[in-house]
Amino acid sequence: MQAYLDKIKYKIDKYFEFVAKPFIKLNISPNHISILCLIFGLVSVWFLFDNHYLFVLFMIIHLFFDKLDGVVARLTNKVTKRGEWIDYFIDQVVAIVLLAKAFFFLNPYLVVLTLLYFVIHHGVFVLTKNRKYLIGSRTTLTICFIFTLFNLGLLISVISSFFGILGQIIMFLKRKKNK
């Protein structure tokens, strides 16, 4: 499964190389693109439940910049641990703010359950120092919210976080066993 996802990621990166070149020529760093990603992510959440079209527009721009920062970093040989953590942190901030806003409009129990699994999932990710996680709960949540499948998005996020936790623990235990 991971090999298939890596193959898709490689193909998407190839398409984004064309888009990344103007940013590189303008000397815009990957961290600057990450900041744009954060801004558009927070603006998109602002419009969630108030203006769905603007939510979708700004969320798509957020996802665009979220992908672009990594491509620019790889093309300019500026991939750093700090940059990876900035990107990861921005992704989680936007997801948590999105869930916090959803708390006031959707079933609060489901949102709290989603947030709990989300935090545990990413807490395990950070504590075990895994660099790959199997399932992106933030991505599934975002896609479902774009298509106004709010409760389904929350449920899928809980399920994917649960399996993400299991996958990370298994990877961590295998690494410990091999040492």
C-alpha atoms as a PDB file:
ATOM      1  CA  MET A   1       0.000   0.000   0.000  1.00  0.00           C
ATOM      2  CA  GLN A   2       2.759   2.448   0.965  1.00  0.00           C
ATOM      3  CA  ALA A   3       4.656   1.724  -2.275  1.00  0.00           C
ATOM      4  CA  TYR A   4       1.513   2.548  -4.271  1.00  0.00           C
ATOM      5  CA  LEU A   5       1.029   5.819  -2.341  1.00  0.00           C
ATOM      6  CA  ASP A   6       4.704   6.717  -2.880  1.00  0.00           C
ATOM      7  CA  LYS A   7       4.281   6.132  -6.633  1.00  0.00           C
ATOM      8  CA  ILE A   8       1.268   8.485  -6.724  1.00  0.00           C
ATOM      9  CA  LYS A   9       3.184  11.074  -4.691  1.00  0.00           C
ATOM     10  CA  TYR A  10       6.091  10.888  -7.158  1.00  0.00           C
ATOM     11  CA  LYS A  11       3.759  11.494 -10.127  1.00  0.00           C
ATOM     12  CA  ILE A  12       2.093  14.450  -8.397  1.00  0.00           C
ATOM     13  CA  ASP A  13       5.527  15.892  -7.571  1.00  0.00           C
ATOM     14  CA  LYS A  14       6.431  15.740 -11.271  1.00  0.00           C
ATOM     15  CA  TYR A  15       3.363  17.823 -12.185  1.00  0.00           C
ATOM     16  CA  PHE A  16       4.148  20.317  -9.423  1.00  0.00           C
ATOM     17  CA  GLU A  17       7.715  20.851 -10.645  1.00  0.00           C
ATOM     18  CA  PHE A  18       6.342  22.988 -13.470  1.00  0.00           C
ATOM     19  CA  VAL A  19       4.376  25.121 -11.003  1.00  0.00           C
ATOM     20  CA  ALA A  20       7.326  25.362  -8.600  1.00  0.00           C
ATOM     21  CA  LYS A  21       9.743  26.926 -11.103  1.00  0.00           C
ATOM     22  CA  PRO A  22       8.298  30.488 -10.936  1.00  0.00           C
ATOM     23  CA  PHE A  23       8.474  30.378  -7.117  1.00  0.00           C
ATOM     24  CA  ILE A  24      12.099  29.278  -7.334  1.00  0.00           C
ATOM     25  CA  LYS A  25      12.917  32.054  -9.846  1.00  0.00           C
ATOM     26  CA  LEU A  26      11.344  34.599  -7.478  1.00  0.00           C
ATOM     27  CA  ASN A  27      13.550  33.184  -4.699  1.00  0.00           C
ATOM     28  CA  ILE A  28      10.538  32.281  -2.533  1.00  0.00           C
ATOM     29  CA  SER A  29      11.694  29.789   0.073  1.00  0.00           C
ATOM     30  CA  PRO A  30       9.798  26.631   1.053  1.00  0.00           C
ATOM     31  CA  ASN A  31       9.226  28.120   4.529  1.00  0.00           C
ATOM     32  CA  HIS A  32       7.594  31.204   2.993  1.00  0.00           C
ATOM     33  CA  ILE A  33       5.306  28.917   1.008  1.00  0.00           C
ATOM     34  CA  SER A  34       4.513  27.055   4.246  1.00  0.00           C
ATOM     35  CA  ILE A  35       3.458  30.346   5.843  1.00  0.00           C
ATOM     36  CA  LEU A  36       1.158  31.001   2.866  1.00  0.00           C
ATOM     37  CA  CYS A  37      -0.199  27.494   3.393  1.00  0.00           C
ATOM     38  CA  LEU A  38      -1.001  28.314   7.032  1.00  0.00           C
ATOM     39  CA  ILE A  39      -2.673  31.614   6.139  1.00  0.00           C
ATOM     40  CA  PHE A  40      -4.893  30.071   3.460  1.00  0.00           C
ATOM     41  CA  GLY A  41      -5.717  27.116   5.727  1.00  0.00           C
ATOM     42  CA  LEU A  42      -6.860  29.403   8.540  1.00  0.00           C
ATOM     43  CA  VAL A  43      -8.808  31.627   6.127  1.00  0.00           C
ATOM     44  CA  SER A  44     -10.551  28.540   4.740  1.00  0.00           C
ATOM     45  CA  VAL A  45     -11.589  27.451   8.238  1.00  0.00           C
ATOM     46  CA  TRP A  46     -12.925  30.965   8.850  1.00  0.00           C
ATOM     47  CA  PHE A  47     -15.436  30.407   6.019  1.00  0.00           C
ATOM     48  CA  LEU A  48     -16.340  26.838   7.043  1.00  0.00           C
ATOM     49  CA  PHE A  49     -20.126  26.680   7.700  1.00  0.00           C
ATOM     50  CA  ASP A  50     -20.533  30.341   6.638  1.00  0.00           C
ATOM     51  CA  ASN A  51     -19.647  30.341   2.942  1.00  0.00           C
ATOM     52  CA  HIS A  52     -18.933  26.912   1.536  1.00  0.00           C
ATOM     53  CA  TYR A  53     -17.619  28.181  -1.806  1.00  0.00           C
ATOM     54  CA  LEU A  54     -15.000  30.363  -0.139  1.00  0.00           C
ATOM     55  CA  PHE A  55     -14.140  27.528   2.254  1.00  0.00           C
ATOM     56  CA  VAL A  56     -13.513  25.215  -0.714  1.00  0.00           C
ATOM     57  CA  LEU A  57     -11.563  27.856  -2.657  1.00  0.00           C
ATOM     58  CA  PHE A  58      -9.225  28.705   0.210  1.00  0.00           C
ATOM     59  CA  MET A  59      -8.875  25.062   1.266  1.00  0.00           C
ATOM     60  CA  ILE A  60      -7.806  24.098  -2.257  1.00  0.00           C
ATOM     61  CA  ILE A  61      -5.272  26.943  -2.247  1.00  0.00           C
ATOM     62  CA  HIS A  62      -4.089  25.732   1.189  1.00  0.00           C
ATOM     63  CA  LEU A  63      -3.657  22.171  -0.116  1.00  0.00           C
ATOM     64  CA  PHE A  64      -1.869  23.517  -3.210  1.00  0.00           C
ATOM     65  CA  PHE A  65       0.686  25.400  -1.087  1.00  0.00           C
ATOM     66  CA  ASP A  66       0.950  22.427   1.278  1.00  0.00           C
ATOM     67  CA  LYS A  67       2.165  20.314  -1.634  1.00  0.00           C
ATOM     68  CA  LEU A  68       4.204  23.073  -3.262  1.00  0.00           C
ATOM     69  CA  ASP A  69       6.482  23.797  -0.279  1.00  0.00           C
ATOM     70  CA  GLY A  70       7.905  20.272  -0.306  1.00  0.00           C
ATOM     71  CA  VAL A  71       8.416  20.268  -4.064  1.00  0.00           C
ATOM     72  CA  VAL A  72      10.252  23.616  -3.930  1.00  0.00           C
ATOM     73  CA  ALA A  73      12.385  22.325  -1.051  1.00  0.00           C
ATOM     74  CA  ARG A  74      13.378  19.209  -2.990  1.00  0.00           C
ATOM     75  CA  LEU A  75      14.088  21.096  -6.226  1.00  0.00           C
ATOM     76  CA  THR A  76      16.290  23.668  -4.456  1.00  0.00           C
ATOM     77  CA  ASN A  77      17.986  21.117  -2.173  1.00  0.00           C
ATOM     78  CA  LYS A  78      16.603  22.921   0.889  1.00  0.00           C
ATOM     79  CA  VAL A  79      14.986  19.913   2.540  1.00  0.00           C
ATOM     80  CA  THR A  80      15.595  20.222   6.291  1.00  0.00           C
ATOM     81  CA  LYS A  81      14.247  18.582   9.417  1.00  0.00           C
ATOM     82  CA  ARG A  82      13.137  22.035  10.578  1.00  0.00           C
ATOM     83  CA  GLY A  83      11.206  22.562   7.345  1.00  0.00           C
ATOM     84  CA  GLU A  84       9.589  19.145   7.632  1.00  0.00           C
ATOM     85  CA  TRP A  85       8.491  19.937  11.188  1.00  0.00           C
ATOM     86  CA  ILE A  86       7.188  23.377  10.160  1.00  0.00           C
ATOM     87  CA  ASP A  87       5.108  21.733   7.418  1.00  0.00           C
ATOM     88  CA  TYR A  88       3.861  19.050   9.800  1.00  0.00           C
ATOM     89  CA  PHE A  89       3.011  21.595  12.507  1.00  0.00           C
ATOM     90  CA  ILE A  90       1.095  23.820  10.069  1.00  0.00           C
ATOM     91  CA  ASP A  91      -0.923  20.832   8.838  1.00  0.00           C
ATOM     92  CA  GLN A  92      -1.888  19.927  12.393  1.00  0.00           C
ATOM     93  CA  VAL A  93      -2.744  23.506  13.399  1.00  0.00           C
ATOM     94  CA  VAL A  94      -5.138  23.861  10.462  1.00  0.00           C
ATOM     95  CA  ALA A  95      -6.732  20.475  11.201  1.00  0.00           C
ATOM     96  CA  ILE A  96      -7.188  21.246  14.912  1.00  0.00           C
ATOM     97  CA  VAL A  97      -8.661  24.692  14.193  1.00  0.00           C
ATOM     98  CA  LEU A  98     -10.999  23.053  11.666  1.00  0.00           C
ATOM     99  CA  LEU A  99     -12.115  20.538  14.290  1.00  0.00           C
ATOM    100  CA  ALA A 100     -12.522  23.273  16.900  1.00  0.00           C
ATOM    101  CA  LYS A 101     -14.874  25.170  14.597  1.00  0.00           C
ATOM    102  CA  ALA A 102     -16.733  21.966  13.706  1.00  0.00           C
ATOM    103  CA  PHE A 103     -17.377  21.432  17.431  1.00  0.00           C
ATOM    104  CA  PHE A 104     -19.839  24.338  17.400  1.00  0.00           C
ATOM    105  CA  PHE A 105     -21.742  23.208  14.287  1.00  0.00           C
ATOM    106  CA  LEU A 106     -21.695  19.420  14.274  1.00  0.00           C
ATOM    107  CA  ASN A 107     -22.244  16.639  16.779  1.00  0.00           C
ATOM    108  CA  PRO A 108     -19.862  17.740  19.576  1.00  0.00           C
ATOM    109  CA  TYR A 109     -19.346  14.178  20.830  1.00  0.00           C
ATOM    110  CA  LEU A 110     -18.203  12.997  17.421  1.00  0.00           C
ATOM    111  CA  VAL A 111     -15.930  16.018  17.040  1.00  0.00           C
ATOM    112  CA  VAL A 112     -14.356  15.403  20.479  1.00  0.00           C
ATOM    113  CA  LEU A 113     -13.868  11.723  19.630  1.00  0.00           C
ATOM    114  CA  THR A 114     -12.265  12.712  16.314  1.00  0.00           C
ATOM    115  CA  LEU A 115     -10.021  15.253  18.021  1.00  0.00           C
ATOM    116  CA  LEU A 116      -9.017  12.728  20.687  1.00  0.00           C
ATOM    117  CA  TYR A 117      -8.001  10.101  18.132  1.00  0.00           C
ATOM    118  CA  PHE A 118      -6.342  12.752  15.985  1.00  0.00           C
ATOM    119  CA  VAL A 119      -4.216  14.010  18.896  1.00  0.00           C
ATOM    120  CA  ILE A 120      -3.302  10.473  20.008  1.00  0.00           C
ATOM    121  CA  HIS A 121      -2.454   9.501  16.423  1.00  0.00           C
ATOM    122  CA  HIS A 122      -0.116  12.432  15.932  1.00  0.00           C
ATOM    123  CA  GLY A 123       1.217  12.232  19.487  1.00  0.00           C
ATOM    124  CA  VAL A 124       2.291   8.643  18.832  1.00  0.00           C
ATOM    125  CA  PHE A 125       3.754   9.777  15.507  1.00  0.00           C
ATOM    126  CA  VAL A 126       5.913  12.404  17.233  1.00  0.00           C
ATOM    127  CA  LEU A 127       6.873  10.291  20.258  1.00  0.00           C
ATOM    128  CA  THR A 128       7.912   7.248  18.224  1.00  0.00           C
ATOM    129  CA  LYS A 129       9.788   9.425  15.704  1.00  0.00           C
ATOM    130  CA  ASN A 130       8.132   7.685  12.769  1.00  0.00           C
ATOM    131  CA  ARG A 131       8.576   9.508   9.509  1.00  0.00           C
ATOM    132  CA  LYS A 132       5.784   7.750   7.640  1.00  0.00           C
ATOM    133  CA  TYR A 133       2.237   7.226   8.670  1.00  0.00           C
ATOM    134  CA  LEU A 134      -0.027   4.950   6.771  1.00  0.00           C
ATOM    135  CA  ILE A 135      -3.254   6.902   6.540  1.00  0.00           C
ATOM    136  CA  GLY A 136      -3.746  10.672   6.480  1.00  0.00           C
ATOM    137  CA  SER A 137      -6.669  11.472   8.781  1.00  0.00           C
ATOM    138  CA  ARG A 138      -6.354  15.192   8.019  1.00  0.00           C
ATOM    139  CA  THR A 139      -6.604  14.588   4.294  1.00  0.00           C
ATOM    140  CA  THR A 140      -9.705  12.405   4.548  1.00  0.00           C
ATOM    141  CA  LEU A 141     -11.342  14.910   6.896  1.00  0.00           C
ATOM    142  CA  THR A 142     -10.587  17.807   4.537  1.00  0.00           C
ATOM    143  CA  ILE A 143     -11.868  16.003   1.444  1.00  0.00           C
ATOM    144  CA  CYS A 144     -15.113  15.029   3.164  1.00  0.00           C
ATOM    145  CA  PHE A 145     -15.609  18.588   4.430  1.00  0.00           C
ATOM    146  CA  ILE A 146     -15.084  19.939   0.906  1.00  0.00           C
ATOM    147  CA  PHE A 147     -17.922  17.676  -0.285  1.00  0.00           C
ATOM    148  CA  THR A 148     -20.070  18.627   2.767  1.00  0.00           C
ATOM    149  CA  LEU A 149     -19.908  15.085   4.118  1.00  0.00           C
ATOM    150  CA  PHE A 150     -19.151  16.407   7.593  1.00  0.00           C
ATOM    151  CA  ASN A 151     -20.164  13.494   9.830  1.00  0.00           C
ATOM    152  CA  LEU A 152     -18.738  10.961   7.400  1.00  0.00           C
ATOM    153  CA  GLY A 153     -15.480  12.919   7.401  1.00  0.00           C
ATOM    154  CA  LEU A 154     -15.349  12.815  11.186  1.00  0.00           C
ATOM    155  CA  LEU A 155     -16.034   9.057  11.245  1.00  0.00           C
ATOM    156  CA  ILE A 156     -13.459   8.301   8.557  1.00  0.00           C
ATOM    157  CA  SER A 157     -10.944  10.477  10.405  1.00  0.00           C
ATOM    158  CA  VAL A 158     -11.524   8.510  13.619  1.00  0.00           C
ATOM    159  CA  ILE A 159     -11.122   5.202  11.802  1.00  0.00           C
ATOM    160  CA  SER A 160      -8.028   6.307   9.865  1.00  0.00           C
ATOM    161  CA  SER A 161      -6.470   7.738  13.042  1.00  0.00           C
ATOM    162  CA  PHE A 162      -7.138   4.453  14.853  1.00  0.00           C
ATOM    163  CA  PHE A 163      -5.418   2.456  12.112  1.00  0.00           C
ATOM    164  CA  GLY A 164      -2.681   5.086  11.910  1.00  0.00           C
ATOM    165  CA  ILE A 165      -2.003   4.599  15.633  1.00  0.00           C
ATOM    166  CA  LEU A 166      -1.843   0.826  15.188  1.00  0.00           C
ATOM    167  CA  GLY A 167       0.433   1.154  12.157  1.00  0.00           C
ATOM    168  CA  GLN A 168       2.811   3.488  13.948  1.00  0.00           C
ATOM    169  CA  ILE A 169       3.011   1.271  17.019  1.00  0.00           C
ATOM    170  CA  ILE A 170       3.708  -1.772  14.825  1.00  0.00           C
ATOM    171  CA  MET A 171       6.434   0.118  12.910  1.00  0.00           C
ATOM    172  CA  PHE A 172       7.945   1.322  16.200  1.00  0.00           C
ATOM    173  CA  LEU A 173       7.982  -2.200  17.680  1.00  0.00           C
ATOM    174  CA  LYS A 174       9.562  -3.642  14.518  1.00  0.00           C
ATOM    175  CA  ARG A 175      12.286  -1.004  14.658  1.00  0.00           C
ATOM    176  CA  LYS A 176      12.947  -1.757  18.336  1.00  0.00           C
ATOM    177  CA  LYS A 177      13.093  -5.490  17.581  1.00  0.00           C
ATOM    178  CA  ASN A 178      15.619  -4.966  14.740  1.00  0.00           C
ATOM    179  CA  LYS A 179      17.982  -2.892  16.901  1.00  0.00           C
END
